[in-house]
Amino acid sequence: MNIKDPEVHRMAMELAALRHTSATGAVREALREAIERQRRNLREGVGEQLRDLAARGRALDEPVRDVDDLYDEQGLPR
């Protein structure tokens, strides 16, 4: 990879110096950390969505027993 942005190049070199490694090593590790952080955020987001959905389901006055319970007489969602 050829980094043509001077600011990105400077940042890679600074990170390399701070971590006592090469620019390639610093970028590799920074990318690994960013990917893991993004994956963790996605997993936590899905978990939060599932918790919200479960809470909404518990809040229903009447539980959904059948797909027909999801729609009214005109076929619209309840």
PDB file of N, CA and C in Angstrom:
ATOM      1  N   MET A   1       0.854  -1.160   0.000  1.00  0.00           N
ATOM      2  CA  MET A   1       0.000   0.000   0.000  1.00  0.00           C
ATOM      3  C   MET A   1       0.902   1.225   0.000  1.00  0.00           C
ATOM      4  N   ASN A   2       0.557   2.173  -0.819  1.00  0.00           N
ATOM      5  CA  ASN A   2       1.327   3.402  -0.918  1.00  0.00           C
ATOM      6  C   ASN A   2       0.470   4.534  -0.358  1.00  0.00           C
ATOM      7  N   ILE A   3       0.869   5.081   0.774  1.00  0.00           N
ATOM      8  CA  ILE A   3       0.112   6.154   1.409  1.00  0.00           C
ATOM      9  C   ILE A   3       0.541   7.482   0.793  1.00  0.00           C
ATOM     10  N   LYS A   4      -0.393   8.134   0.122  1.00  0.00           N
ATOM     11  CA  LYS A   4      -0.086   9.380  -0.576  1.00  0.00           C
ATOM     12  C   LYS A   4      -0.514  10.610   0.212  1.00  0.00           C
ATOM     13  N   ASP A   5      -1.322  10.411   1.236  1.00  0.00           N
ATOM     14  CA  ASP A   5      -1.782  11.532   2.060  1.00  0.00           C
ATOM     15  C   ASP A   5      -0.691  11.839   3.091  1.00  0.00           C
ATOM     16  N   PRO A   6      -0.105  13.037   3.055  1.00  0.00           N
ATOM     17  CA  PRO A   6       0.990  13.365   3.970  1.00  0.00           C
ATOM     18  C   PRO A   6       0.590  13.279   5.446  1.00  0.00           C
ATOM     19  N   GLU A   7      -0.633  13.652   5.751  1.00  0.00           N
ATOM     20  CA  GLU A   7      -1.087  13.600   7.156  1.00  0.00           C
ATOM     21  C   GLU A   7      -1.186  12.154   7.645  1.00  0.00           C
ATOM     22  N   VAL A   8      -1.724  11.276   6.813  1.00  0.00           N
ATOM     23  CA  VAL A   8      -1.817   9.857   7.179  1.00  0.00           C
ATOM     24  C   VAL A   8      -0.415   9.270   7.327  1.00  0.00           C
ATOM     25  N   HIS A   9       0.479   9.625   6.449  1.00  0.00           N
ATOM     26  CA  HIS A   9       1.857   9.144   6.536  1.00  0.00           C
ATOM     27  C   HIS A   9       2.511   9.615   7.837  1.00  0.00           C
ATOM     28  N   ARG A  10       2.318  10.885   8.174  1.00  0.00           N
ATOM     29  CA  ARG A  10       2.867  11.433   9.418  1.00  0.00           C
ATOM     30  C   ARG A  10       2.304  10.701  10.628  1.00  0.00           C
ATOM     31  N   MET A  11       0.987  10.447  10.605  1.00  0.00           N
ATOM     32  CA  MET A  11       0.348   9.756  11.731  1.00  0.00           C
ATOM     33  C   MET A  11       0.879   8.338  11.871  1.00  0.00           C
ATOM     34  N   ALA A  12       1.068   7.644  10.753  1.00  0.00           N
ATOM     35  CA  ALA A  12       1.606   6.283  10.789  1.00  0.00           C
ATOM     36  C   ALA A  12       3.017   6.279  11.362  1.00  0.00           C
ATOM     37  N   MET A  13       3.808   7.250  10.969  1.00  0.00           N
ATOM     38  CA  MET A  13       5.179   7.329  11.477  1.00  0.00           C
ATOM     39  C   MET A  13       5.189   7.665  12.973  1.00  0.00           C
ATOM     40  N   GLU A  14       4.301   8.549  13.394  1.00  0.00           N
ATOM     41  CA  GLU A  14       4.221   8.899  14.824  1.00  0.00           C
ATOM     42  C   GLU A  14       3.799   7.692  15.650  1.00  0.00           C
ATOM     43  N   LEU A  15       2.771   6.977  15.174  1.00  0.00           N
ATOM     44  CA  LEU A  15       2.327   5.787  15.896  1.00  0.00           C
ATOM     45  C   LEU A  15       3.438   4.749  15.953  1.00  0.00           C
ATOM     46  N   ALA A  16       4.156   4.584  14.868  1.00  0.00           N
ATOM     47  CA  ALA A  16       5.273   3.633  14.841  1.00  0.00           C
ATOM     48  C   ALA A  16       6.317   4.004  15.886  1.00  0.00           C
ATOM     49  N   ALA A  17       6.634   5.281  15.982  1.00  0.00           N
ATOM     50  CA  ALA A  17       7.628   5.720  16.962  1.00  0.00           C
ATOM     51  C   ALA A  17       7.124   5.485  18.383  1.00  0.00           C
ATOM     52  N   LEU A  18       5.862   5.794  18.625  1.00  0.00           N
ATOM     53  CA  LEU A  18       5.303   5.609  19.965  1.00  0.00           C
ATOM     54  C   LEU A  18       5.260   4.135  20.369  1.00  0.00           C
ATOM     55  N   ARG A  19       5.057   3.259  19.394  1.00  0.00           N
ATOM     56  CA  ARG A  19       4.953   1.822  19.673  1.00  0.00           C
ATOM     57  C   ARG A  19       6.271   1.086  19.458  1.00  0.00           C
ATOM     58  N   HIS A  20       7.309   1.814  19.088  1.00  0.00           N
ATOM     59  CA  HIS A  20       8.622   1.213  18.845  1.00  0.00           C
ATOM     60  C   HIS A  20       8.535   0.073  17.841  1.00  0.00           C
ATOM     61  N   THR A  21       7.935   0.381  16.699  1.00  0.00           N
ATOM     62  CA  THR A  21       7.785  -0.600  15.640  1.00  0.00           C
ATOM     63  C   THR A  21       7.907   0.107  14.298  1.00  0.00           C
ATOM     64  N   SER A  22       7.723  -0.641  13.240  1.00  0.00           N
ATOM     65  CA  SER A  22       7.756  -0.045  11.899  1.00  0.00           C
ATOM     66  C   SER A  22       6.398   0.593  11.594  1.00  0.00           C
ATOM     67  N   ALA A  23       6.372   1.412  10.562  1.00  0.00           N
ATOM     68  CA  ALA A  23       5.099   2.009  10.140  1.00  0.00           C
ATOM     69  C   ALA A  23       4.122   0.914   9.738  1.00  0.00           C
ATOM     70  N   THR A  24       4.609  -0.111   9.049  1.00  0.00           N
ATOM     71  CA  THR A  24       3.748  -1.230   8.657  1.00  0.00           C
ATOM     72  C   THR A  24       3.181  -1.929   9.883  1.00  0.00           C
ATOM     73  N   GLY A  25       4.034  -2.198  10.865  1.00  0.00           N
ATOM     74  CA  GLY A  25       3.570  -2.843  12.096  1.00  0.00           C
ATOM     75  C   GLY A  25       2.554  -1.992  12.842  1.00  0.00           C
ATOM     76  N   ALA A  26       2.794  -0.685  12.895  1.00  0.00           N
ATOM     77  CA  ALA A  26       1.873   0.214  13.588  1.00  0.00           C
ATOM     78  C   ALA A  26       0.519   0.255  12.892  1.00  0.00           C
ATOM     79  N   VAL A  27       0.543   0.347  11.559  1.00  0.00           N
ATOM     80  CA  VAL A  27      -0.717   0.376  10.803  1.00  0.00           C
ATOM     81  C   VAL A  27      -1.443  -0.951  10.931  1.00  0.00           C
ATOM     82  N   ARG A  28      -0.699  -2.067  10.853  1.00  0.00           N
ATOM     83  CA  ARG A  28      -1.310  -3.396  11.000  1.00  0.00           C
ATOM     84  C   ARG A  28      -2.032  -3.512  12.339  1.00  0.00           C
ATOM     85  N   GLU A  29      -1.347  -3.131  13.418  1.00  0.00           N
ATOM     86  CA  GLU A  29      -1.940  -3.253  14.746  1.00  0.00           C
ATOM     87  C   GLU A  29      -3.111  -2.290  14.921  1.00  0.00           C
ATOM     88  N   ALA A  30      -2.989  -1.083  14.398  1.00  0.00           N
ATOM     89  CA  ALA A  30      -4.081  -0.115  14.495  1.00  0.00           C
ATOM     90  C   ALA A  30      -5.315  -0.624  13.751  1.00  0.00           C
ATOM     91  N   LEU A  31      -5.106  -1.230  12.596  1.00  0.00           N
ATOM     92  CA  LEU A  31      -6.230  -1.780  11.834  1.00  0.00           C
ATOM     93  C   LEU A  31      -6.859  -2.956  12.570  1.00  0.00           C
ATOM     94  N   ARG A  32      -6.034  -3.830  13.154  1.00  0.00           N
ATOM     95  CA  ARG A  32      -6.582  -4.947  13.945  1.00  0.00           C
ATOM     96  C   ARG A  32      -7.446  -4.427  15.086  1.00  0.00           C
ATOM     97  N   GLU A  33      -6.935  -3.427  15.799  1.00  0.00           N
ATOM     98  CA  GLU A  33      -7.676  -2.851  16.913  1.00  0.00           C
ATOM     99  C   GLU A  33      -8.986  -2.219  16.443  1.00  0.00           C
ATOM    100  N   ALA A  34      -8.942  -1.512  15.335  1.00  0.00           N
ATOM    101  CA  ALA A  34     -10.140  -0.859  14.807  1.00  0.00           C
ATOM    102  C   ALA A  34     -11.178  -1.883  14.360  1.00  0.00           C
ATOM    103  N   ILE A  35     -10.724  -2.949  13.704  1.00  0.00           N
ATOM    104  CA  ILE A  35     -11.643  -3.999  13.256  1.00  0.00           C
ATOM    105  C   ILE A  35     -12.295  -4.674  14.451  1.00  0.00           C
ATOM    106  N   GLU A  36     -11.505  -5.018  15.459  1.00  0.00           N
ATOM    107  CA  GLU A  36     -12.065  -5.669  16.652  1.00  0.00           C
ATOM    108  C   GLU A  36     -13.054  -4.746  17.361  1.00  0.00           C
ATOM    109  N   ARG A  37     -12.706  -3.468  17.482  1.00  0.00           N
ATOM    110  CA  ARG A  37     -13.600  -2.506  18.112  1.00  0.00           C
ATOM    111  C   ARG A  37     -14.912  -2.399  17.329  1.00  0.00           C
ATOM    112  N   GLN A  38     -14.842  -2.369  16.014  1.00  0.00           N
ATOM    113  CA  GLN A  38     -16.041  -2.287  15.179  1.00  0.00           C
ATOM    114  C   GLN A  38     -16.894  -3.536  15.329  1.00  0.00           C
ATOM    115  N   ARG A  39     -16.252  -4.713  15.329  1.00  0.00           N
ATOM    116  CA  ARG A  39     -16.991  -5.975  15.515  1.00  0.00           C
ATOM    117  C   ARG A  39     -17.687  -5.991  16.874  1.00  0.00           C
ATOM    118  N   ARG A  40     -16.968  -5.541  17.908  1.00  0.00           N
ATOM    119  CA  ARG A  40     -17.544  -5.506  19.253  1.00  0.00           C
ATOM    120  C   ARG A  40     -18.742  -4.558  19.284  1.00  0.00           C
ATOM    121  N   ASN A  41     -18.616  -3.388  18.662  1.00  0.00           N
ATOM    122  CA  ASN A  41     -19.720  -2.429  18.609  1.00  0.00           C
ATOM    123  C   ASN A  41     -20.918  -3.010  17.881  1.00  0.00           C
ATOM    124  N   LEU A  42     -20.665  -3.743  16.803  1.00  0.00           N
ATOM    125  CA  LEU A  42     -21.762  -4.364  16.061  1.00  0.00           C
ATOM    126  C   LEU A  42     -22.454  -5.417  16.911  1.00  0.00           C
ATOM    127  N   ARG A  43     -21.660  -6.254  17.609  1.00  0.00           N
ATOM    128  CA  ARG A  43     -22.260  -7.285  18.468  1.00  0.00           C
ATOM    129  C   ARG A  43     -23.075  -6.641  19.578  1.00  0.00           C
ATOM    130  N   GLU A  44     -22.534  -5.583  20.180  1.00  0.00           N
ATOM    131  CA  GLU A  44     -23.256  -4.915  21.261  1.00  0.00           C
ATOM    132  C   GLU A  44     -24.522  -4.252  20.734  1.00  0.00           C
ATOM    133  N   GLY A  45     -24.465  -3.718  19.515  1.00  0.00           N
ATOM    134  CA  GLY A  45     -25.639  -3.100  18.906  1.00  0.00           C
ATOM    135  C   GLY A  45     -26.736  -4.107  18.659  1.00  0.00           C
ATOM    136  N   VAL A  46     -26.361  -5.299  18.172  1.00  0.00           N
ATOM    137  CA  VAL A  46     -27.346  -6.353  17.938  1.00  0.00           C
ATOM    138  C   VAL A  46     -27.933  -6.803  19.269  1.00  0.00           C
ATOM    139  N   GLY A  47     -27.079  -6.942  20.274  1.00  0.00           N
ATOM    140  CA  GLY A  47     -27.570  -7.338  21.595  1.00  0.00           C
ATOM    141  C   GLY A  47     -28.550  -6.320  22.155  1.00  0.00           C
ATOM    142  N   GLU A  48     -28.230  -5.049  21.976  1.00  0.00           N
ATOM    143  CA  GLU A  48     -29.119  -3.996  22.454  1.00  0.00           C
ATOM    144  C   GLU A  48     -30.452  -4.037  21.714  1.00  0.00           C
ATOM    145  N   GLN A  49     -30.413  -4.259  20.419  1.00  0.00           N
ATOM    146  CA  GLN A  49     -31.650  -4.352  19.645  1.00  0.00           C
ATOM    147  C   GLN A  49     -32.499  -5.528  20.118  1.00  0.00           C
ATOM    148  N   LEU A  50     -31.849  -6.662  20.398  1.00  0.00           N
ATOM    149  CA  LEU A  50     -32.591  -7.828  20.875  1.00  0.00           C
ATOM    150  C   LEU A  50     -33.194  -7.581  22.252  1.00  0.00           C
ATOM    151  N   ARG A  51     -32.434  -6.892  23.121  1.00  0.00           N
ATOM    152  CA  ARG A  51     -32.978  -6.568  24.446  1.00  0.00           C
ATOM    153  C   ARG A  51     -34.180  -5.637  24.335  1.00  0.00           C
ATOM    154  N   ASP A  52     -34.095  -4.649  23.431  1.00  0.00           N
ATOM    155  CA  ASP A  52     -35.220  -3.740  23.219  1.00  0.00           C
ATOM    156  C   ASP A  52     -36.434  -4.484  22.686  1.00  0.00           C
ATOM    157  N   LEU A  53     -36.206  -5.367  21.739  1.00  0.00           N
ATOM    158  CA  LEU A  53     -37.300  -6.151  21.177  1.00  0.00           C
ATOM    159  C   LEU A  53     -37.942  -7.037  22.236  1.00  0.00           C
ATOM    160  N   ALA A  54     -37.126  -7.663  23.076  1.00  0.00           N
ATOM    161  CA  ALA A  54     -37.656  -8.507  24.148  1.00  0.00           C
ATOM    162  C   ALA A  54     -38.475  -7.676  25.129  1.00  0.00           C
ATOM    163  N   ALA A  55     -37.992  -6.480  25.459  1.00  0.00           N
ATOM    164  CA  ALA A  55     -38.731  -5.605  26.377  1.00  0.00           C
ATOM    165  C   ALA A  55     -40.067  -5.200  25.773  1.00  0.00           C
ATOM    166  N   ARG A  56     -40.061  -4.894  24.485  1.00  0.00           N
ATOM    167  CA  ARG A  56     -41.324  -4.537  23.828  1.00  0.00           C
ATOM    168  C   ARG A  56     -42.282  -5.723  23.837  1.00  0.00           C
ATOM    169  N   GLY A  57     -41.746  -6.920  23.627  1.00  0.00           N
ATOM    170  CA  GLY A  57     -42.588  -8.111  23.643  1.00  0.00           C
ATOM    171  C   GLY A  57     -43.190  -8.360  25.015  1.00  0.00           C
ATOM    172  N   ARG A  58     -42.398  -8.138  26.076  1.00  0.00           N
ATOM    173  CA  ARG A  58     -42.917  -8.321  27.433  1.00  0.00           C
ATOM    174  C   ARG A  58     -43.978  -7.280  27.779  1.00  0.00           C
ATOM    175  N   ALA A  59     -43.908  -6.125  27.127  1.00  0.00           N
ATOM    176  CA  ALA A  59     -44.838  -5.044  27.425  1.00  0.00           C
ATOM    177  C   ALA A  59     -46.196  -5.233  26.743  1.00  0.00           C
ATOM    178  N   LEU A  60     -46.315  -6.180  25.845  1.00  0.00           N
ATOM    179  CA  LEU A  60     -47.590  -6.404  25.177  1.00  0.00           C
ATOM    180  C   LEU A  60     -48.643  -6.854  26.181  1.00  0.00           C
ATOM    181  N   ASP A  61     -49.844  -6.338  26.019  1.00  0.00           N
ATOM    182  CA  ASP A  61     -50.946  -6.758  26.899  1.00  0.00           C
ATOM    183  C   ASP A  61     -51.298  -8.215  26.649  1.00  0.00           C
ATOM    184  N   GLU A  62     -51.332  -8.572  25.380  1.00  0.00           N
ATOM    185  CA  GLU A  62     -51.657  -9.946  25.023  1.00  0.00           C
ATOM    186  C   GLU A  62     -50.503 -10.526  24.221  1.00  0.00           C
ATOM    187  N   PRO A  63     -50.039 -11.692  24.578  1.00  0.00           N
ATOM    188  CA  PRO A  63     -48.929 -12.277  23.833  1.00  0.00           C
ATOM    189  C   PRO A  63     -49.363 -12.661  22.417  1.00  0.00           C
ATOM    190  N   VAL A  64     -48.432 -12.643  21.497  1.00  0.00           N
ATOM    191  CA  VAL A  64     -48.694 -13.071  20.133  1.00  0.00           C
ATOM    192  C   VAL A  64     -48.602 -14.588  20.111  1.00  0.00           C
ATOM    193  N   ARG A  65     -49.676 -15.217  19.732  1.00  0.00           N
ATOM    194  CA  ARG A  65     -49.709 -16.671  19.712  1.00  0.00           C
ATOM    195  C   ARG A  65     -49.634 -17.213  18.282  1.00  0.00           C
ATOM    196  N   ASP A  66     -50.037 -16.383  17.336  1.00  0.00           N
ATOM    197  CA  ASP A  66     -50.125 -16.821  15.949  1.00  0.00           C
ATOM    198  C   ASP A  66     -49.837 -15.627  15.058  1.00  0.00           C
ATOM    199  N   VAL A  67     -49.435 -15.886  13.828  1.00  0.00           N
ATOM    200  CA  VAL A  67     -49.169 -14.788  12.908  1.00  0.00           C
ATOM    201  C   VAL A  67     -50.410 -13.934  12.699  1.00  0.00           C
ATOM    202  N   ASP A  68     -51.593 -14.517  12.808  1.00  0.00           N
ATOM    203  CA  ASP A  68     -52.836 -13.756  12.650  1.00  0.00           C
ATOM    204  C   ASP A  68     -53.004 -12.719  13.755  1.00  0.00           C
ATOM    205  N   ASP A  69     -52.357 -12.933  14.905  1.00  0.00           N
ATOM    206  CA  ASP A  69     -52.427 -11.968  16.004  1.00  0.00           C
ATOM    207  C   ASP A  69     -51.684 -10.679  15.671  1.00  0.00           C
ATOM    208  N   LEU A  70     -50.838 -10.698  14.653  1.00  0.00           N
ATOM    209  CA  LEU A  70     -50.049  -9.526  14.298  1.00  0.00           C
ATOM    210  C   LEU A  70     -50.815  -8.521  13.444  1.00  0.00           C
ATOM    211  N   TYR A  71     -51.972  -8.953  12.867  1.00  0.00           N
ATOM    212  CA  TYR A  71     -52.699  -8.096  11.931  1.00  0.00           C
ATOM    213  C   TYR A  71     -54.154  -7.957  12.363  1.00  0.00           C
ATOM    214  N   ASP A  72     -54.717  -6.776  12.059  1.00  0.00           N
ATOM    215  CA  ASP A  72     -56.132  -6.551  12.386  1.00  0.00           C
ATOM    216  C   ASP A  72     -57.024  -7.108  11.272  1.00  0.00           C
ATOM    217  N   GLU A  73     -58.326  -6.810  11.355  1.00  0.00           N
ATOM    218  CA  GLU A  73     -59.306  -7.348  10.425  1.00  0.00           C
ATOM    219  C   GLU A  73     -59.067  -6.882   8.987  1.00  0.00           C
ATOM    220  N   GLN A  74     -58.447  -5.702   8.817  1.00  0.00           N
ATOM    221  CA  GLN A  74     -58.170  -5.178   7.471  1.00  0.00           C
ATOM    222  C   GLN A  74     -56.797  -5.643   6.951  1.00  0.00           C
ATOM    223  N   GLY A  75     -56.123  -6.472   7.702  1.00  0.00           N
ATOM    224  CA  GLY A  75     -54.822  -6.957   7.293  1.00  0.00           C
ATOM    225  C   GLY A  75     -53.671  -6.028   7.600  1.00  0.00           C
ATOM    226  N   LEU A  76     -53.944  -5.006   8.408  1.00  0.00           N
ATOM    227  CA  LEU A  76     -52.908  -4.046   8.774  1.00  0.00           C
ATOM    228  C   LEU A  76     -52.227  -4.473  10.065  1.00  0.00           C
ATOM    229  N   PRO A  77     -50.953  -4.120  10.225  1.00  0.00           N
ATOM    230  CA  PRO A  77     -50.246  -4.469  11.471  1.00  0.00           C
ATOM    231  C   PRO A  77     -50.933  -3.836  12.684  1.00  0.00           C
ATOM    232  N   ARG A  78     -51.002  -4.590  13.755  1.00  0.00           N
ATOM    233  CA  ARG A  78     -51.599  -4.053  14.989  1.00  0.00           C
ATOM    234  C   ARG A  78     -50.646  -3.122  15.674  1.00  0.00           C
TER     235      ARG A  78
END
